[in-house]
Amino acid sequence: MAHRIFTTSFASVYPLYVAKAERKGRSKAEVDEIIAWLTGFDDGDLARHLDDETTFEEFFADADLNPRVSAVTGVVCGVRVEEIEDPLMQKIRYLDKLIDELAKGKAMPKILREA
């Protein structure tokens, strides 16, 4: 069964990621940096996906996932990201985890700085 998030537009969730980060004194630029690290998208790619209101499924289908993504570990929504079986859901949760770490007020996630 496909999850509803798969067909949700990335553009509808992106402002929530930014707002979550900004509430903790972080910036939209830092959110964009996380997205770029995870997906390989530059500012133009991200803008295109936002303008086109691509679904999460389309968004991640177009992404060139960072080869170090398996280093992203931890719990999101009560589930360990490294144990998620559905590949698309795992990609979405990787992004969620990275945004969560940023929003917790932590320094830019260490994995990004080492990239």
N, C-alpha and C. Protein backbone atom coordinates (compact mmCIF):
# COMPACT_ATOMS: atom_id res chain seq x y z
N MET A 1 0.83 -1.18 0.00
CA MET A 1 0.00 0.00 0.00
C MET A 1 0.88 1.25 0.00
N ALA A 2 0.60 2.16 -0.90
CA ALA A 2 1.37 3.40 -0.99
C ALA A 2 0.94 4.36 0.13
N HIS A 3 1.90 5.01 0.69
CA HIS A 3 1.62 5.99 1.74
C HIS A 3 1.18 7.30 1.12
N ARG A 4 0.32 8.01 1.79
CA ARG A 4 -0.20 9.27 1.28
C ARG A 4 0.92 10.29 1.05
N ILE A 5 1.96 10.25 1.88
CA ILE A 5 3.05 11.20 1.73
C ILE A 5 3.73 11.07 0.36
N PHE A 6 3.70 9.88 -0.23
CA PHE A 6 4.36 9.68 -1.52
C PHE A 6 3.78 10.58 -2.60
N THR A 7 2.48 10.83 -2.53
CA THR A 7 1.81 11.64 -3.55
C THR A 7 1.56 13.08 -3.09
N THR A 8 2.07 13.41 -1.93
CA THR A 8 1.99 14.78 -1.42
C THR A 8 3.05 15.61 -2.13
N SER A 9 2.72 16.85 -2.46
CA SER A 9 3.72 17.68 -3.14
C SER A 9 4.81 18.08 -2.14
N PHE A 10 6.03 18.01 -2.60
CA PHE A 10 7.15 18.44 -1.77
C PHE A 10 6.99 19.91 -1.40
N ALA A 11 6.46 20.71 -2.33
CA ALA A 11 6.27 22.14 -2.09
C ALA A 11 5.33 22.41 -0.92
N SER A 12 4.41 21.51 -0.65
CA SER A 12 3.48 21.73 0.46
C SER A 12 4.13 21.44 1.82
N VAL A 13 5.19 20.66 1.85
CA VAL A 13 5.86 20.30 3.09
C VAL A 13 7.11 21.15 3.33
N TYR A 14 7.74 21.60 2.26
CA TYR A 14 8.96 22.39 2.36
C TYR A 14 8.82 23.58 3.32
N PRO A 15 7.74 24.37 3.23
CA PRO A 15 7.62 25.50 4.17
C PRO A 15 7.56 25.04 5.63
N LEU A 16 7.05 23.85 5.87
CA LEU A 16 7.00 23.31 7.23
C LEU A 16 8.41 22.98 7.72
N TYR A 17 9.25 22.45 6.83
CA TYR A 17 10.64 22.19 7.19
C TYR A 17 11.34 23.50 7.57
N VAL A 18 11.14 24.52 6.73
CA VAL A 18 11.77 25.81 6.96
C VAL A 18 11.27 26.43 8.26
N ALA A 19 9.96 26.40 8.47
CA ALA A 19 9.38 26.97 9.69
C ALA A 19 9.90 26.26 10.94
N LYS A 20 10.01 24.96 10.87
CA LYS A 20 10.51 24.18 12.00
C LYS A 20 11.94 24.61 12.34
N ALA A 21 12.76 24.77 11.32
CA ALA A 21 14.14 25.19 11.53
C ALA A 21 14.20 26.63 12.06
N GLU A 22 13.41 27.52 11.47
CA GLU A 22 13.45 28.93 11.86
C GLU A 22 12.95 29.15 13.29
N ARG A 23 12.02 28.33 13.75
CA ARG A 23 11.55 28.44 15.14
C ARG A 23 12.69 28.21 16.13
N LYS A 24 13.71 27.49 15.70
CA LYS A 24 14.86 27.21 16.56
C LYS A 24 16.07 28.07 16.20
N GLY A 25 15.82 29.15 15.46
CA GLY A 25 16.90 30.07 15.14
C GLY A 25 17.78 29.63 13.99
N ARG A 26 17.33 28.65 13.24
CA ARG A 26 18.09 28.18 12.08
C ARG A 26 17.53 28.87 10.83
N SER A 27 18.14 28.63 9.68
CA SER A 27 17.76 29.38 8.49
C SER A 27 17.26 28.49 7.35
N LYS A 28 16.56 29.13 6.44
CA LYS A 28 16.13 28.47 5.21
C LYS A 28 17.35 27.96 4.44
N ALA A 29 18.43 28.74 4.45
CA ALA A 29 19.66 28.34 3.76
C ALA A 29 20.20 27.02 4.31
N GLU A 30 20.08 26.83 5.63
CA GLU A 30 20.55 25.58 6.22
C GLU A 30 19.66 24.41 5.82
N VAL A 31 18.36 24.64 5.73
CA VAL A 31 17.44 23.61 5.25
C VAL A 31 17.80 23.25 3.81
N ASP A 32 18.04 24.28 2.99
CA ASP A 32 18.41 24.04 1.60
C ASP A 32 19.73 23.29 1.48
N GLU A 33 20.66 23.57 2.39
CA GLU A 33 21.95 22.87 2.39
C GLU A 33 21.74 21.38 2.69
N ILE A 34 20.86 21.08 3.62
CA ILE A 34 20.55 19.68 3.94
C ILE A 34 19.95 19.00 2.72
N ILE A 35 18.99 19.66 2.08
CA ILE A 35 18.34 19.09 0.91
C ILE A 35 19.37 18.87 -0.21
N ALA A 36 20.25 19.83 -0.41
CA ALA A 36 21.28 19.70 -1.44
C ALA A 36 22.21 18.52 -1.14
N TRP A 37 22.62 18.38 0.12
CA TRP A 37 23.50 17.28 0.49
C TRP A 37 22.82 15.94 0.24
N LEU A 38 21.56 15.84 0.64
CA LEU A 38 20.85 14.57 0.52
C LEU A 38 20.53 14.21 -0.92
N THR A 39 20.09 15.19 -1.70
CA THR A 39 19.54 14.91 -3.04
C THR A 39 20.47 15.24 -4.20
N GLY A 40 21.46 16.07 -3.94
CA GLY A 40 22.31 16.53 -5.04
C GLY A 40 21.71 17.70 -5.79
N PHE A 41 20.56 18.21 -5.35
CA PHE A 41 19.90 19.32 -6.05
C PHE A 41 20.59 20.64 -5.72
N ASP A 42 20.81 21.44 -6.77
CA ASP A 42 21.29 22.80 -6.54
C ASP A 42 20.07 23.71 -6.35
N ASP A 43 20.30 25.00 -6.17
CA ASP A 43 19.18 25.92 -5.93
C ASP A 43 18.16 25.90 -7.06
N GLY A 44 18.64 25.80 -8.30
CA GLY A 44 17.73 25.77 -9.45
C GLY A 44 16.88 24.52 -9.48
N ASP A 45 17.50 23.39 -9.18
CA ASP A 45 16.74 22.12 -9.13
C ASP A 45 15.65 22.19 -8.05
N LEU A 46 16.04 22.68 -6.88
CA LEU A 46 15.08 22.77 -5.79
C LEU A 46 13.94 23.71 -6.17
N ALA A 47 14.26 24.86 -6.73
CA ALA A 47 13.23 25.82 -7.14
C ALA A 47 12.28 25.21 -8.16
N ARG A 48 12.84 24.44 -9.08
CA ARG A 48 12.00 23.79 -10.11
C ARG A 48 11.02 22.82 -9.47
N HIS A 49 11.51 22.02 -8.53
CA HIS A 49 10.63 21.06 -7.86
C HIS A 49 9.55 21.77 -7.05
N LEU A 50 9.91 22.87 -6.43
CA LEU A 50 8.92 23.64 -5.67
C LEU A 50 7.90 24.27 -6.61
N ASP A 51 8.36 24.87 -7.70
CA ASP A 51 7.46 25.51 -8.66
C ASP A 51 6.53 24.50 -9.33
N ASP A 52 7.08 23.33 -9.65
CA ASP A 52 6.29 22.29 -10.33
C ASP A 52 5.41 21.49 -9.38
N GLU A 53 5.60 21.72 -8.07
CA GLU A 53 4.85 21.00 -7.05
C GLU A 53 4.93 19.48 -7.25
N THR A 54 6.16 19.02 -7.49
CA THR A 54 6.37 17.58 -7.67
C THR A 54 6.06 16.84 -6.38
N THR A 55 5.62 15.61 -6.52
CA THR A 55 5.33 14.78 -5.36
C THR A 55 6.65 14.33 -4.73
N PHE A 56 6.57 13.84 -3.51
CA PHE A 56 7.77 13.28 -2.88
C PHE A 56 8.32 12.15 -3.75
N GLU A 57 7.44 11.37 -4.34
CA GLU A 57 7.89 10.26 -5.19
C GLU A 57 8.69 10.80 -6.37
N GLU A 58 8.19 11.83 -7.04
CA GLU A 58 8.90 12.43 -8.17
C GLU A 58 10.18 13.12 -7.72
N PHE A 59 10.09 13.80 -6.59
CA PHE A 59 11.23 14.53 -6.03
C PHE A 59 12.41 13.59 -5.81
N PHE A 60 12.16 12.48 -5.12
CA PHE A 60 13.26 11.56 -4.83
C PHE A 60 13.64 10.71 -6.04
N ALA A 61 12.72 10.50 -6.98
CA ALA A 61 13.07 9.78 -8.22
C ALA A 61 14.09 10.58 -9.02
N ASP A 62 14.03 11.90 -8.92
CA ASP A 62 14.94 12.79 -9.65
C ASP A 62 16.25 13.02 -8.90
N ALA A 63 16.28 12.65 -7.64
CA ALA A 63 17.45 12.93 -6.79
C ALA A 63 18.60 11.95 -7.06
N ASP A 64 19.79 12.45 -6.84
CA ASP A 64 21.00 11.62 -6.85
C ASP A 64 21.42 11.53 -5.38
N LEU A 65 20.89 10.53 -4.69
CA LEU A 65 21.07 10.42 -3.25
C LEU A 65 22.54 10.37 -2.87
N ASN A 66 22.90 11.10 -1.86
CA ASN A 66 24.28 11.14 -1.38
C ASN A 66 24.72 9.73 -0.99
N PRO A 67 25.89 9.30 -1.46
CA PRO A 67 26.36 7.95 -1.14
C PRO A 67 26.62 7.72 0.35
N ARG A 68 26.71 8.80 1.13
CA ARG A 68 26.96 8.67 2.57
C ARG A 68 25.66 8.67 3.38
N VAL A 69 24.52 8.58 2.70
CA VAL A 69 23.24 8.68 3.39
C VAL A 69 23.03 7.59 4.44
N SER A 70 23.65 6.46 4.26
CA SER A 70 23.47 5.39 5.25
C SER A 70 24.06 5.75 6.62
N ALA A 71 24.86 6.81 6.67
CA ALA A 71 25.39 7.27 7.94
C ALA A 71 24.34 8.05 8.75
N VAL A 72 23.21 8.37 8.11
CA VAL A 72 22.12 9.03 8.82
C VAL A 72 21.36 7.94 9.58
N THR A 73 21.39 8.03 10.90
CA THR A 73 20.75 7.03 11.73
C THR A 73 19.95 7.71 12.83
N GLY A 74 19.09 6.95 13.44
CA GLY A 74 18.31 7.47 14.55
C GLY A 74 16.83 7.21 14.35
N VAL A 75 16.05 7.79 15.25
CA VAL A 75 14.61 7.53 15.27
C VAL A 75 13.84 8.74 14.80
N VAL A 76 12.88 8.50 13.91
CA VAL A 76 11.94 9.50 13.44
C VAL A 76 10.56 8.87 13.50
N CYS A 77 9.63 9.55 14.13
CA CYS A 77 8.26 9.03 14.26
C CYS A 77 8.25 7.64 14.89
N GLY A 78 9.16 7.40 15.81
CA GLY A 78 9.20 6.14 16.52
C GLY A 78 9.82 4.98 15.77
N VAL A 79 10.40 5.25 14.61
CA VAL A 79 10.99 4.20 13.78
C VAL A 79 12.45 4.56 13.47
N ARG A 80 13.31 3.58 13.56
CA ARG A 80 14.72 3.80 13.21
C ARG A 80 14.84 3.93 11.70
N VAL A 81 15.42 5.03 11.22
CA VAL A 81 15.49 5.28 9.78
C VAL A 81 16.28 4.20 9.05
N GLU A 82 17.27 3.64 9.72
CA GLU A 82 18.09 2.63 9.05
C GLU A 82 17.36 1.29 8.90
N GLU A 83 16.21 1.13 9.56
CA GLU A 83 15.46 -0.12 9.48
C GLU A 83 14.20 -0.03 8.62
N ILE A 84 13.96 1.13 8.03
CA ILE A 84 12.77 1.29 7.18
C ILE A 84 12.97 0.50 5.90
N GLU A 85 12.01 -0.34 5.58
CA GLU A 85 12.15 -1.24 4.43
C GLU A 85 11.79 -0.59 3.10
N ASP A 86 10.79 0.27 3.07
CA ASP A 86 10.38 0.90 1.82
C ASP A 86 11.41 1.97 1.44
N PRO A 87 12.05 1.84 0.29
CA PRO A 87 13.12 2.77 -0.08
C PRO A 87 12.69 4.24 -0.14
N LEU A 88 11.50 4.51 -0.67
CA LEU A 88 11.04 5.89 -0.74
C LEU A 88 10.76 6.45 0.65
N MET A 89 10.10 5.67 1.48
CA MET A 89 9.82 6.13 2.84
C MET A 89 11.12 6.38 3.58
N GLN A 90 12.12 5.53 3.36
CA GLN A 90 13.40 5.72 4.02
C GLN A 90 14.04 7.04 3.59
N LYS A 91 13.96 7.39 2.33
CA LYS A 91 14.52 8.66 1.85
C LYS A 91 13.81 9.84 2.49
N ILE A 92 12.49 9.75 2.58
CA ILE A 92 11.72 10.82 3.20
C ILE A 92 12.12 10.96 4.67
N ARG A 93 12.27 9.85 5.34
CA ARG A 93 12.63 9.87 6.76
C ARG A 93 14.08 10.32 6.98
N TYR A 94 14.97 10.04 6.03
CA TYR A 94 16.33 10.59 6.12
C TYR A 94 16.23 12.12 6.17
N LEU A 95 15.44 12.68 5.26
CA LEU A 95 15.28 14.13 5.23
C LEU A 95 14.67 14.62 6.54
N ASP A 96 13.63 13.95 7.00
CA ASP A 96 13.00 14.33 8.27
C ASP A 96 14.02 14.33 9.41
N LYS A 97 14.83 13.29 9.47
CA LYS A 97 15.82 13.16 10.55
C LYS A 97 16.83 14.30 10.50
N LEU A 98 17.32 14.63 9.33
CA LEU A 98 18.29 15.71 9.20
C LEU A 98 17.68 17.05 9.60
N ILE A 99 16.44 17.29 9.19
CA ILE A 99 15.75 18.53 9.56
C ILE A 99 15.51 18.56 11.07
N ASP A 100 15.11 17.42 11.64
CA ASP A 100 14.91 17.34 13.09
C ASP A 100 16.18 17.70 13.85
N GLU A 101 17.31 17.17 13.41
CA GLU A 101 18.58 17.45 14.08
C GLU A 101 18.89 18.94 14.02
N LEU A 102 18.66 19.55 12.88
CA LEU A 102 18.88 20.98 12.72
C LEU A 102 17.95 21.76 13.64
N ALA A 103 16.68 21.37 13.66
CA ALA A 103 15.68 22.08 14.46
C ALA A 103 15.87 21.89 15.96
N LYS A 104 16.58 20.86 16.35
CA LYS A 104 16.85 20.65 17.78
C LYS A 104 17.89 21.65 18.29
N GLY A 105 18.35 22.50 17.37
CA GLY A 105 19.32 23.50 17.77
C GLY A 105 20.74 23.01 17.73
N LYS A 106 20.92 21.80 17.25
CA LYS A 106 22.28 21.25 17.15
C LYS A 106 23.01 21.95 16.00
N ALA A 107 24.30 21.87 16.05
CA ALA A 107 25.10 22.39 14.94
C ALA A 107 24.69 21.64 13.68
N MET A 108 24.99 22.22 12.55
CA MET A 108 24.67 21.55 11.30
C MET A 108 25.09 20.10 11.46
N PRO A 109 24.19 19.17 11.12
CA PRO A 109 24.53 17.76 11.32
C PRO A 109 25.95 17.44 10.85
N LYS A 110 26.68 16.78 11.72
CA LYS A 110 28.09 16.46 11.50
C LYS A 110 28.32 15.78 10.16
N ILE A 111 27.42 14.92 9.77
CA ILE A 111 27.59 14.19 8.52
C ILE A 111 27.70 15.13 7.33
N LEU A 112 26.97 16.26 7.37
CA LEU A 112 27.03 17.23 6.28
C LEU A 112 28.37 17.94 6.25
N ARG A 113 28.89 18.25 7.41
CA ARG A 113 30.17 18.96 7.47
C ARG A 113 31.31 18.10 6.98
N GLU A 114 31.15 16.78 7.08
CA GLU A 114 32.24 15.88 6.66
C GLU A 114 32.15 15.52 5.19
N ALA A 115 31.07 15.93 4.54
CA ALA A 115 30.86 15.55 3.14
C ALA A 115 31.85 16.23 2.23
